[in-house]
All heavy atoms as atom14 arrays in JSON, in Angstrom:
{
  "sequence": "KVVPGTKDYKDNMELSLLRANAVANALAENGVSKRRLVPSGFGDLHPV",
  "atom14_mask": [
    [1, 1, 1, 1, 1, 1, 1, 1, 1, 0, 0, 0, 0, 0],
    [1, 1, 1, 1, 1, 1, 1, 0, 0, 0, 0, 0, 0, 0],
    [1, 1, 1, 1, 1, 1, 1, 0, 0, 0, 0, 0, 0, 0],
    [1, 1, 1, 1, 1, 1, 1, 0, 0, 0, 0, 0, 0, 0],
    [1, 1, 1, 1, 0, 0, 0, 0, 0, 0, 0, 0, 0, 0],
    [1, 1, 1, 1, 1, 1, 1, 0, 0, 0, 0, 0, 0, 0],
    [1, 1, 1, 1, 1, 1, 1, 1, 1, 0, 0, 0, 0, 0],
    [1, 1, 1, 1, 1, 1, 1, 1, 0, 0, 0, 0, 0, 0],
    [1, 1, 1, 1, 1, 1, 1, 1, 1, 1, 1, 1, 0, 0],
    [1, 1, 1, 1, 1, 1, 1, 1, 1, 0, 0, 0, 0, 0],
    [1, 1, 1, 1, 1, 1, 1, 1, 0, 0, 0, 0, 0, 0],
    [1, 1, 1, 1, 1, 1, 1, 1, 0, 0, 0, 0, 0, 0],
    [1, 1, 1, 1, 1, 1, 1, 1, 0, 0, 0, 0, 0, 0],
    [1, 1, 1, 1, 1, 1, 1, 1, 1, 0, 0, 0, 0, 0],
    [1, 1, 1, 1, 1, 1, 1, 1, 0, 0, 0, 0, 0, 0],
    [1, 1, 1, 1, 1, 1, 0, 0, 0, 0, 0, 0, 0, 0],
    [1, 1, 1, 1, 1, 1, 1, 1, 0, 0, 0, 0, 0, 0],
    [1, 1, 1, 1, 1, 1, 1, 1, 0, 0, 0, 0, 0, 0],
    [1, 1, 1, 1, 1, 1, 1, 1, 1, 1, 1, 0, 0, 0],
    [1, 1, 1, 1, 1, 0, 0, 0, 0, 0, 0, 0, 0, 0],
    [1, 1, 1, 1, 1, 1, 1, 1, 0, 0, 0, 0, 0, 0],
    [1, 1, 1, 1, 1, 0, 0, 0, 0, 0, 0, 0, 0, 0],
    [1, 1, 1, 1, 1, 1, 1, 0, 0, 0, 0, 0, 0, 0],
    [1, 1, 1, 1, 1, 0, 0, 0, 0, 0, 0, 0, 0, 0],
    [1, 1, 1, 1, 1, 1, 1, 1, 0, 0, 0, 0, 0, 0],
    [1, 1, 1, 1, 1, 0, 0, 0, 0, 0, 0, 0, 0, 0],
    [1, 1, 1, 1, 1, 1, 1, 1, 0, 0, 0, 0, 0, 0],
    [1, 1, 1, 1, 1, 0, 0, 0, 0, 0, 0, 0, 0, 0],
    [1, 1, 1, 1, 1, 1, 1, 1, 1, 0, 0, 0, 0, 0],
    [1, 1, 1, 1, 1, 1, 1, 1, 0, 0, 0, 0, 0, 0],
    [1, 1, 1, 1, 0, 0, 0, 0, 0, 0, 0, 0, 0, 0],
    [1, 1, 1, 1, 1, 1, 1, 0, 0, 0, 0, 0, 0, 0],
    [1, 1, 1, 1, 1, 1, 0, 0, 0, 0, 0, 0, 0, 0],
    [1, 1, 1, 1, 1, 1, 1, 1, 1, 0, 0, 0, 0, 0],
    [1, 1, 1, 1, 1, 1, 1, 1, 1, 1, 1, 0, 0, 0],
    [1, 1, 1, 1, 1, 1, 1, 1, 1, 1, 1, 0, 0, 0],
    [1, 1, 1, 1, 1, 1, 1, 1, 0, 0, 0, 0, 0, 0],
    [1, 1, 1, 1, 1, 1, 1, 0, 0, 0, 0, 0, 0, 0],
    [1, 1, 1, 1, 1, 1, 1, 0, 0, 0, 0, 0, 0, 0],
    [1, 1, 1, 1, 1, 1, 0, 0, 0, 0, 0, 0, 0, 0],
    [1, 1, 1, 1, 0, 0, 0, 0, 0, 0, 0, 0, 0, 0],
    [1, 1, 1, 1, 1, 1, 1, 1, 1, 1, 1, 0, 0, 0],
    [1, 1, 1, 1, 0, 0, 0, 0, 0, 0, 0, 0, 0, 0],
    [1, 1, 1, 1, 1, 1, 1, 1, 0, 0, 0, 0, 0, 0],
    [1, 1, 1, 1, 1, 1, 1, 1, 0, 0, 0, 0, 0, 0],
    [1, 1, 1, 1, 1, 1, 1, 1, 1, 1, 0, 0, 0, 0],
    [1, 1, 1, 1, 1, 1, 1, 0, 0, 0, 0, 0, 0, 0],
    [1, 1, 1, 1, 1, 1, 1, 0, 0, 0, 0, 0, 0, 0]
  ],
  "atom14_positions": [
    [[0.83, -1.2, 0.0], [0.0, 0.0, 0.0], [0.87, 1.25, 0.0], [2.02, 1.25, 0.47], [-0.93, 0.02, 1.22], [-1.86, -1.18, 1.3], [-2.78, -1.24, 0.09], [-3.71, -2.44, 0.19], [-4.59, -2.55, -1.0], [0.0, 0.0, 0.0], [0.0, 0.0, 0.0], [0.0, 0.0, 0.0], [0.0, 0.0, 0.0], [0.0, 0.0, 0.0]],
    [[0.31, 2.32, -0.54], [1.01, 3.6, -0.57], [1.15, 4.12, 0.85], [0.23, 4.01, 1.68], [0.23, 4.61, -1.44], [0.86, 6.01, -1.34], [0.21, 4.14, -2.88], [0.0, 0.0, 0.0], [0.0, 0.0, 0.0], [0.0, 0.0, 0.0], [0.0, 0.0, 0.0], [0.0, 0.0, 0.0], [0.0, 0.0, 0.0], [0.0, 0.0, 0.0]],
    [[2.31, 4.69, 1.18], [2.55, 5.21, 2.52], [1.61, 6.38, 2.78], [1.5, 7.3, 1.95], [4.01, 5.68, 2.66], [4.26, 6.3, 4.04], [4.96, 4.51, 2.42], [0.0, 0.0, 0.0], [0.0, 0.0, 0.0], [0.0, 0.0, 0.0], [0.0, 0.0, 0.0], [0.0, 0.0, 0.0], [0.0, 0.0, 0.0], [0.0, 0.0, 0.0]],
    [[0.85, 6.34, 3.9], [-0.07, 7.45, 4.2], [0.67, 8.78, 4.29], [1.8, 8.85, 4.79], [-0.66, 7.05, 5.57], [-0.5, 5.57, 5.65], [0.77, 5.26, 4.91], [0.0, 0.0, 0.0], [0.0, 0.0, 0.0], [0.0, 0.0, 0.0], [0.0, 0.0, 0.0], [0.0, 0.0, 0.0], [0.0, 0.0, 0.0], [0.0, 0.0, 0.0]],
    [[0.04, 9.83, 3.77], [0.65, 11.15, 3.78], [1.36, 11.51, 2.5], [1.84, 12.63, 2.35], [0.0, 0.0, 0.0], [0.0, 0.0, 0.0], [0.0, 0.0, 0.0], [0.0, 0.0, 0.0], [0.0, 0.0, 0.0], [0.0, 0.0, 0.0], [0.0, 0.0, 0.0], [0.0, 0.0, 0.0], [0.0, 0.0, 0.0], [0.0, 0.0, 0.0]],
    [[1.45, 10.56, 1.54], [2.07, 10.87, 0.24], [1.21, 11.87, -0.51], [0.03, 11.65, -0.71], [2.25, 9.58, -0.59], [3.03, 8.65, 0.17], [2.94, 9.9, -1.89], [0.0, 0.0, 0.0], [0.0, 0.0, 0.0], [0.0, 0.0, 0.0], [0.0, 0.0, 0.0], [0.0, 0.0, 0.0], [0.0, 0.0, 0.0], [0.0, 0.0, 0.0]],
    [[1.8, 12.97, -0.94], [1.01, 14.05, -1.55], [0.84, 13.89, -3.05], [-0.15, 14.32, -3.61], [1.68, 15.4, -1.27], [1.76, 15.73, 0.23], [2.42, 17.09, 0.45], [2.49, 17.42, 1.93], [3.12, 18.74, 2.17], [0.0, 0.0, 0.0], [0.0, 0.0, 0.0], [0.0, 0.0, 0.0], [0.0, 0.0, 0.0], [0.0, 0.0, 0.0]],
    [[1.83, 13.3, -3.73], [1.79, 13.28, -5.2], [0.78, 12.29, -5.75], [0.28, 12.48, -6.86], [3.19, 12.95, -5.74], [4.18, 14.04, -5.38], [3.74, 15.19, -5.19], [5.38, 13.74, -5.29], [0.0, 0.0, 0.0], [0.0, 0.0, 0.0], [0.0, 0.0, 0.0], [0.0, 0.0, 0.0], [0.0, 0.0, 0.0], [0.0, 0.0, 0.0]],
    [[0.5, 11.23, -5.03], [-0.47, 10.23, -5.51], [-1.08, 9.56, -4.27], [-0.5, 9.55, -3.18], [0.18, 9.19, -6.42], [1.41, 8.55, -5.82], [1.32, 7.41, -5.04], [2.68, 9.12, -6.05], [2.46, 6.84, -4.48], [3.82, 8.55, -5.5], [3.7, 7.41, -4.71], [4.81, 6.84, -4.16], [0.0, 0.0, 0.0], [0.0, 0.0, 0.0]],
    [[-2.3, 9.0, -4.44], [-3.01, 8.43, -3.29], [-3.02, 6.91, -3.25], [-3.31, 6.32, -2.22], [-4.46, 8.93, -3.27], [-5.27, 8.51, -4.49], [-6.69, 9.07, -4.41], [-7.52, 8.65, -5.63], [-8.89, 9.17, -5.57], [0.0, 0.0, 0.0], [0.0, 0.0, 0.0], [0.0, 0.0, 0.0], [0.0, 0.0, 0.0], [0.0, 0.0, 0.0]],
    [[-2.7, 6.26, -4.41], [-2.72, 4.8, -4.41], [-1.78, 4.29, -5.5], [-1.17, 5.06, -6.26], [-4.15, 4.25, -4.6], [-4.85, 4.84, -5.81], [-4.15, 5.23, -6.77], [-6.09, 4.93, -5.81], [0.0, 0.0, 0.0], [0.0, 0.0, 0.0], [0.0, 0.0, 0.0], [0.0, 0.0, 0.0], [0.0, 0.0, 0.0], [0.0, 0.0, 0.0]],
    [[-1.66, 2.97, -5.6], [-0.79, 2.33, -6.58], [-1.24, 2.58, -8.01], [-0.41, 2.58, -8.94], [-0.71, 0.83, -6.31], [0.15, 0.5, -5.1], [1.1, 1.22, -4.81], [-0.19, -0.56, -4.39], [0.0, 0.0, 0.0], [0.0, 0.0, 0.0], [0.0, 0.0, 0.0], [0.0, 0.0, 0.0], [0.0, 0.0, 0.0], [0.0, 0.0, 0.0]],
    [[-2.55, 2.75, -8.23], [-3.05, 3.0, -9.57], [-2.47, 4.31, -10.12], [-1.99, 4.37, -11.26], [-4.57, 3.05, -9.55], [-5.21, 3.15, -10.93], [-4.97, 1.64, -11.91], [-5.99, 0.5, -10.99], [0.0, 0.0, 0.0], [0.0, 0.0, 0.0], [0.0, 0.0, 0.0], [0.0, 0.0, 0.0], [0.0, 0.0, 0.0], [0.0, 0.0, 0.0]],
    [[-2.5, 5.37, -9.3], [-1.96, 6.65, -9.73], [-0.44, 6.56, -9.92], [0.11, 7.14, -10.87], [-2.31, 7.73, -8.71], [-3.79, 8.11, -8.7], [-4.06, 9.31, -7.83], [-3.08, 9.91, -7.31], [-5.25, 9.67, -7.66], [0.0, 0.0, 0.0], [0.0, 0.0, 0.0], [0.0, 0.0, 0.0], [0.0, 0.0, 0.0], [0.0, 0.0, 0.0]],
    [[0.24, 5.84, -9.02], [1.69, 5.7, -9.14], [2.07, 4.99, -10.44], [3.01, 5.42, -11.15], [2.24, 4.92, -7.94], [3.74, 4.6, -7.97], [4.56, 5.89, -8.04], [4.14, 3.77, -6.76], [0.0, 0.0, 0.0], [0.0, 0.0, 0.0], [0.0, 0.0, 0.0], [0.0, 0.0, 0.0], [0.0, 0.0, 0.0], [0.0, 0.0, 0.0]],
    [[1.35, 3.92, -10.78], [1.67, 3.19, -12.01], [1.44, 4.07, -13.24], [2.22, 4.03, -14.21], [0.82, 1.92, -12.09], [-0.56, 2.24, -12.18], [0.0, 0.0, 0.0], [0.0, 0.0, 0.0], [0.0, 0.0, 0.0], [0.0, 0.0, 0.0], [0.0, 0.0, 0.0], [0.0, 0.0, 0.0], [0.0, 0.0, 0.0], [0.0, 0.0, 0.0]],
    [[0.37, 4.89, -13.25], [0.11, 5.77, -14.38], [1.17, 6.87, -14.48], [1.63, 7.22, -15.6], [-1.27, 6.38, -14.25], [-1.71, 7.33, -15.37], [-1.69, 6.59, -16.73], [-3.09, 7.9, -15.1], [0.0, 0.0, 0.0], [0.0, 0.0, 0.0], [0.0, 0.0, 0.0], [0.0, 0.0, 0.0], [0.0, 0.0, 0.0], [0.0, 0.0, 0.0]],
    [[1.58, 7.43, -13.35], [2.63, 8.45, -13.37], [3.95, 7.89, -13.91], [4.67, 8.57, -14.67], [2.84, 8.99, -11.95], [1.7, 9.86, -11.39], [1.94, 10.18, -9.92], [1.54, 11.15, -12.19], [0.0, 0.0, 0.0], [0.0, 0.0, 0.0], [0.0, 0.0, 0.0], [0.0, 0.0, 0.0], [0.0, 0.0, 0.0], [0.0, 0.0, 0.0]],
    [[4.28, 6.66, -13.54], [5.51, 6.04, -14.07], [5.39, 5.77, -15.56], [6.36, 5.99, -16.32], [5.78, 4.75, -13.32], [6.31, 4.99, -11.9], [6.59, 3.69, -11.16], [7.27, 3.94, -9.88], [7.62, 2.99, -9.02], [7.35, 1.71, -9.3], [8.25, 3.3, -7.91], [0.0, 0.0, 0.0], [0.0, 0.0, 0.0], [0.0, 0.0, 0.0]],
    [[4.21, 5.31, -16.03], [4.03, 5.07, -17.47], [4.16, 6.38, -18.24], [4.78, 6.44, -19.33], [2.66, 4.43, -17.7], [0.0, 0.0, 0.0], [0.0, 0.0, 0.0], [0.0, 0.0, 0.0], [0.0, 0.0, 0.0], [0.0, 0.0, 0.0], [0.0, 0.0, 0.0], [0.0, 0.0, 0.0], [0.0, 0.0, 0.0], [0.0, 0.0, 0.0]],
    [[3.57, 7.48, -17.69], [3.71, 8.78, -18.35], [5.16, 9.25, -18.37], [5.63, 9.85, -19.36], [2.86, 9.83, -17.62], [1.39, 9.69, -17.94], [1.02, 9.29, -19.05], [0.54, 10.01, -16.97], [0.0, 0.0, 0.0], [0.0, 0.0, 0.0], [0.0, 0.0, 0.0], [0.0, 0.0, 0.0], [0.0, 0.0, 0.0], [0.0, 0.0, 0.0]],
    [[5.88, 8.97, -17.29], [7.29, 9.38, -17.25], [8.09, 8.66, -18.34], [8.94, 9.28, -19.02], [7.87, 9.08, -15.86], [0.0, 0.0, 0.0], [0.0, 0.0, 0.0], [0.0, 0.0, 0.0], [0.0, 0.0, 0.0], [0.0, 0.0, 0.0], [0.0, 0.0, 0.0], [0.0, 0.0, 0.0], [0.0, 0.0, 0.0], [0.0, 0.0, 0.0]],
    [[7.85, 7.36, -18.55], [8.56, 6.6, -19.59], [8.17, 7.13, -20.97], [9.02, 7.31, -21.86], [8.25, 5.11, -19.45], [8.8, 4.33, -20.64], [8.83, 4.58, -18.15], [0.0, 0.0, 0.0], [0.0, 0.0, 0.0], [0.0, 0.0, 0.0], [0.0, 0.0, 0.0], [0.0, 0.0, 0.0], [0.0, 0.0, 0.0], [0.0, 0.0, 0.0]],
    [[6.83, 7.35, -21.18], [6.38, 7.84, -22.48], [6.98, 9.21, -22.78], [7.41, 9.48, -23.92], [4.85, 7.89, -22.51], [0.0, 0.0, 0.0], [0.0, 0.0, 0.0], [0.0, 0.0, 0.0], [0.0, 0.0, 0.0], [0.0, 0.0, 0.0], [0.0, 0.0, 0.0], [0.0, 0.0, 0.0], [0.0, 0.0, 0.0], [0.0, 0.0, 0.0]],
    [[7.02, 10.09, -21.79], [7.6, 11.42, -22.0], [9.1, 11.32, -22.31], [9.63, 12.06, -23.16], [7.38, 12.29, -20.76], [5.92, 12.65, -20.56], [5.15, 12.69, -21.54], [5.53, 12.92, -19.32], [0.0, 0.0, 0.0], [0.0, 0.0, 0.0], [0.0, 0.0, 0.0], [0.0, 0.0, 0.0], [0.0, 0.0, 0.0], [0.0, 0.0, 0.0]],
    [[9.8, 10.4, -21.63], [11.24, 10.23, -21.9], [11.47, 9.7, -23.32], [12.41, 10.13, -24.02], [11.84, 9.28, -20.87], [0.0, 0.0, 0.0], [0.0, 0.0, 0.0], [0.0, 0.0, 0.0], [0.0, 0.0, 0.0], [0.0, 0.0, 0.0], [0.0, 0.0, 0.0], [0.0, 0.0, 0.0], [0.0, 0.0, 0.0], [0.0, 0.0, 0.0]],
    [[10.61, 8.78, -23.79], [10.72, 8.27, -25.16], [10.5, 9.4, -26.15], [11.2, 9.51, -27.18], [9.73, 7.14, -25.39], [10.02, 5.83, -24.65], [8.85, 4.85, -24.82], [11.31, 5.18, -25.16], [0.0, 0.0, 0.0], [0.0, 0.0, 0.0], [0.0, 0.0, 0.0], [0.0, 0.0, 0.0], [0.0, 0.0, 0.0], [0.0, 0.0, 0.0]],
    [[9.5, 10.25, -25.87], [9.21, 11.37, -26.78], [10.37, 12.36, -26.79], [10.72, 12.91, -27.85], [7.92, 12.06, -26.34], [0.0, 0.0, 0.0], [0.0, 0.0, 0.0], [0.0, 0.0, 0.0], [0.0, 0.0, 0.0], [0.0, 0.0, 0.0], [0.0, 0.0, 0.0], [0.0, 0.0, 0.0], [0.0, 0.0, 0.0], [0.0, 0.0, 0.0]],
    [[10.98, 12.59, -25.62], [12.13, 13.5, -25.57], [13.31, 12.95, -26.36], [14.16, 13.72, -26.84], [12.54, 13.7, -24.1], [11.53, 14.52, -23.29], [11.9, 14.58, -21.82], [12.92, 13.95, -21.45], [11.17, 15.24, -21.05], [0.0, 0.0, 0.0], [0.0, 0.0, 0.0], [0.0, 0.0, 0.0], [0.0, 0.0, 0.0], [0.0, 0.0, 0.0]],
    [[13.36, 11.64, -26.52], [14.45, 11.02, -27.28], [14.07, 10.77, -28.74], [14.7, 9.98, -29.43], [14.86, 9.71, -26.63], [15.69, 9.92, -25.37], [16.9, 10.17, -25.44], [15.04, 9.82, -24.22], [0.0, 0.0, 0.0], [0.0, 0.0, 0.0], [0.0, 0.0, 0.0], [0.0, 0.0, 0.0], [0.0, 0.0, 0.0], [0.0, 0.0, 0.0]],
    [[13.01, 11.44, -29.23], [12.72, 11.42, -30.65], [11.59, 10.54, -31.11], [11.27, 10.51, -32.3], [0.0, 0.0, 0.0], [0.0, 0.0, 0.0], [0.0, 0.0, 0.0], [0.0, 0.0, 0.0], [0.0, 0.0, 0.0], [0.0, 0.0, 0.0], [0.0, 0.0, 0.0], [0.0, 0.0, 0.0], [0.0, 0.0, 0.0], [0.0, 0.0, 0.0]],
    [[10.91, 9.79, -30.19], [9.79, 8.94, -30.6], [8.55, 9.81, -30.74], [8.28, 10.68, -29.91], [9.54, 7.82, -29.58], [8.34, 6.98, -30.01], [10.77, 6.95, -29.43], [0.0, 0.0, 0.0], [0.0, 0.0, 0.0], [0.0, 0.0, 0.0], [0.0, 0.0, 0.0], [0.0, 0.0, 0.0], [0.0, 0.0, 0.0], [0.0, 0.0, 0.0]],
    [[7.79, 9.59, -31.84], [6.58, 10.37, -32.08], [5.55, 10.08, -30.97], [5.26, 8.92, -30.64], [6.0, 10.01, -33.45], [4.77, 10.7, -33.64], [0.0, 0.0, 0.0], [0.0, 0.0, 0.0], [0.0, 0.0, 0.0], [0.0, 0.0, 0.0], [0.0, 0.0, 0.0], [0.0, 0.0, 0.0], [0.0, 0.0, 0.0], [0.0, 0.0, 0.0]],
    [[4.96, 11.17, -30.4], [4.0, 11.0, -29.3], [2.74, 10.26, -29.73], [2.11, 9.58, -28.93], [3.62, 12.37, -28.73], [4.72, 12.99, -27.87], [4.21, 14.25, -27.19], [5.27, 14.82, -26.25], [4.79, 16.02, -25.54], [0.0, 0.0, 0.0], [0.0, 0.0, 0.0], [0.0, 0.0, 0.0], [0.0, 0.0, 0.0], [0.0, 0.0, 0.0]],
    [[2.38, 10.39, -31.02], [1.16, 9.72, -31.46], [1.32, 8.2, -31.49], [0.33, 7.48, -31.58], [0.75, 10.24, -32.84], [1.65, 9.82, -33.98], [1.21, 10.47, -35.28], [1.98, 9.99, -36.4], [1.68, 8.9, -37.13], [0.59, 8.2, -36.83], [2.45, 8.53, -38.15], [0.0, 0.0, 0.0], [0.0, 0.0, 0.0], [0.0, 0.0, 0.0]],
    [[2.61, 7.73, -31.39], [2.84, 6.29, -31.35], [2.88, 5.75, -29.91], [2.99, 4.54, -29.72], [4.17, 5.96, -32.03], [4.28, 6.38, -33.48], [3.34, 5.59, -34.35], [3.5, 5.92, -35.77], [2.76, 5.39, -36.74], [1.8, 4.53, -36.43], [2.96, 5.74, -38.0], [0.0, 0.0, 0.0], [0.0, 0.0, 0.0], [0.0, 0.0, 0.0]],
    [[2.75, 6.63, -28.91], [2.89, 6.22, -27.52], [1.54, 6.33, -26.8], [0.87, 7.38, -26.85], [3.92, 7.1, -26.81], [5.34, 7.06, -27.4], [6.21, 8.11, -26.73], [5.94, 5.68, -27.26], [0.0, 0.0, 0.0], [0.0, 0.0, 0.0], [0.0, 0.0, 0.0], [0.0, 0.0, 0.0], [0.0, 0.0, 0.0], [0.0, 0.0, 0.0]],
    [[1.15, 5.25, -26.09], [-0.12, 5.23, -25.32], [0.19, 4.75, -23.9], [0.3, 3.54, -23.67], [-1.16, 4.31, -25.98], [-2.45, 4.33, -25.16], [-1.43, 4.74, -27.42], [0.0, 0.0, 0.0], [0.0, 0.0, 0.0], [0.0, 0.0, 0.0], [0.0, 0.0, 0.0], [0.0, 0.0, 0.0], [0.0, 0.0, 0.0], [0.0, 0.0, 0.0]],
    [[0.38, 5.67, -22.93], [0.68, 5.25, -21.56], [-0.61, 4.87, -20.8], [-1.68, 5.45, -21.02], [1.32, 6.49, -20.95], [0.74, 7.63, -21.71], [0.47, 7.15, -23.1], [0.0, 0.0, 0.0], [0.0, 0.0, 0.0], [0.0, 0.0, 0.0], [0.0, 0.0, 0.0], [0.0, 0.0, 0.0], [0.0, 0.0, 0.0], [0.0, 0.0, 0.0]],
    [[-0.53, 3.92, -19.88], [-1.67, 3.5, -19.06], [-1.13, 2.89, -17.77], [-0.03, 2.35, -17.75], [-2.58, 2.52, -19.78], [-1.86, 1.38, -20.2], [0.0, 0.0, 0.0], [0.0, 0.0, 0.0], [0.0, 0.0, 0.0], [0.0, 0.0, 0.0], [0.0, 0.0, 0.0], [0.0, 0.0, 0.0], [0.0, 0.0, 0.0], [0.0, 0.0, 0.0]],
    [[-1.94, 2.98, -16.69], [-1.53, 2.44, -15.4], [-2.52, 1.39, -14.89], [-3.74, 1.56, -15.0], [0.0, 0.0, 0.0], [0.0, 0.0, 0.0], [0.0, 0.0, 0.0], [0.0, 0.0, 0.0], [0.0, 0.0, 0.0], [0.0, 0.0, 0.0], [0.0, 0.0, 0.0], [0.0, 0.0, 0.0], [0.0, 0.0, 0.0], [0.0, 0.0, 0.0]],
    [[-2.0, 0.27, -14.33], [-2.85, -0.82, -13.84], [-2.62, -1.12, -12.35], [-3.23, -2.04, -11.81], [-2.58, -2.1, -14.65], [-2.98, -1.98, -16.08], [-2.06, -1.58, -17.06], [-4.28, -2.22, -16.48], [-2.42, -1.47, -18.38], [-4.65, -2.11, -17.82], [-3.72, -1.73, -18.78], [0.0, 0.0, 0.0], [0.0, 0.0, 0.0], [0.0, 0.0, 0.0]],
    [[-1.76, -0.33, -11.7], [-1.54, -0.55, -10.29], [-1.08, -1.96, -10.0], [-0.19, -2.49, -10.67], [0.0, 0.0, 0.0], [0.0, 0.0, 0.0], [0.0, 0.0, 0.0], [0.0, 0.0, 0.0], [0.0, 0.0, 0.0], [0.0, 0.0, 0.0], [0.0, 0.0, 0.0], [0.0, 0.0, 0.0], [0.0, 0.0, 0.0], [0.0, 0.0, 0.0]],
    [[-1.71, -2.61, -8.97], [-1.34, -3.99, -8.61], [-2.4, -5.0, -9.04], [-2.53, -6.08, -8.47], [-1.13, -4.09, -7.08], [-2.36, -3.63, -6.3], [-3.33, -3.17, -6.93], [-2.34, -3.72, -5.06], [0.0, 0.0, 0.0], [0.0, 0.0, 0.0], [0.0, 0.0, 0.0], [0.0, 0.0, 0.0], [0.0, 0.0, 0.0], [0.0, 0.0, 0.0]],
    [[-3.21, -4.63, -10.08], [-4.32, -5.49, -10.5], [-3.87, -6.69, -11.31], [-4.59, -7.7, -11.35], [-5.33, -4.66, -11.33], [-6.01, -3.5, -10.59], [-6.97, -2.77, -11.53], [-6.76, -4.02, -9.36], [0.0, 0.0, 0.0], [0.0, 0.0, 0.0], [0.0, 0.0, 0.0], [0.0, 0.0, 0.0], [0.0, 0.0, 0.0], [0.0, 0.0, 0.0]],
    [[-2.73, -6.63, -11.98], [-2.29, -7.72, -12.86], [-0.87, -8.17, -12.5], [0.08, -7.91, -13.25], [-2.35, -7.28, -14.33], [-3.72, -6.83, -14.76], [-4.76, -7.69, -14.92], [-4.2, -5.58, -15.04], [-5.85, -7.01, -15.3], [-5.52, -5.71, -15.37], [0.0, 0.0, 0.0], [0.0, 0.0, 0.0], [0.0, 0.0, 0.0], [0.0, 0.0, 0.0]],
    [[-0.71, -8.84, -11.37], [0.63, -9.31, -11.0], [1.05, -10.51, -11.86], [0.21, -11.31, -12.28], [0.47, -9.73, -9.53], [-0.98, -10.12, -9.42], [-1.73, -9.21, -10.34], [0.0, 0.0, 0.0], [0.0, 0.0, 0.0], [0.0, 0.0, 0.0], [0.0, 0.0, 0.0], [0.0, 0.0, 0.0], [0.0, 0.0, 0.0], [0.0, 0.0, 0.0]],
    [[2.38, -10.62, -12.1], [2.88, -11.78, -12.82], [3.28, -12.87, -11.86], [3.43, -14.04, -12.23], [4.08, -11.39, -13.71], [3.62, -10.46, -14.82], [5.18, -10.72, -12.87], [0.0, 0.0, 0.0], [0.0, 0.0, 0.0], [0.0, 0.0, 0.0], [0.0, 0.0, 0.0], [0.0, 0.0, 0.0], [0.0, 0.0, 0.0], [0.0, 0.0, 0.0]]
  ]
}
């Protein structure tokens, strides 16, 4: 579980989406077209 008091996000779902956006933004900064990138977050719903 997310540590209580965390201001940037309230649960694992938001954290996973923020990390996916960070990767997509880094790919775009390195020259990948944004229209080819689709970020999404699933939290802890699909463990391997």
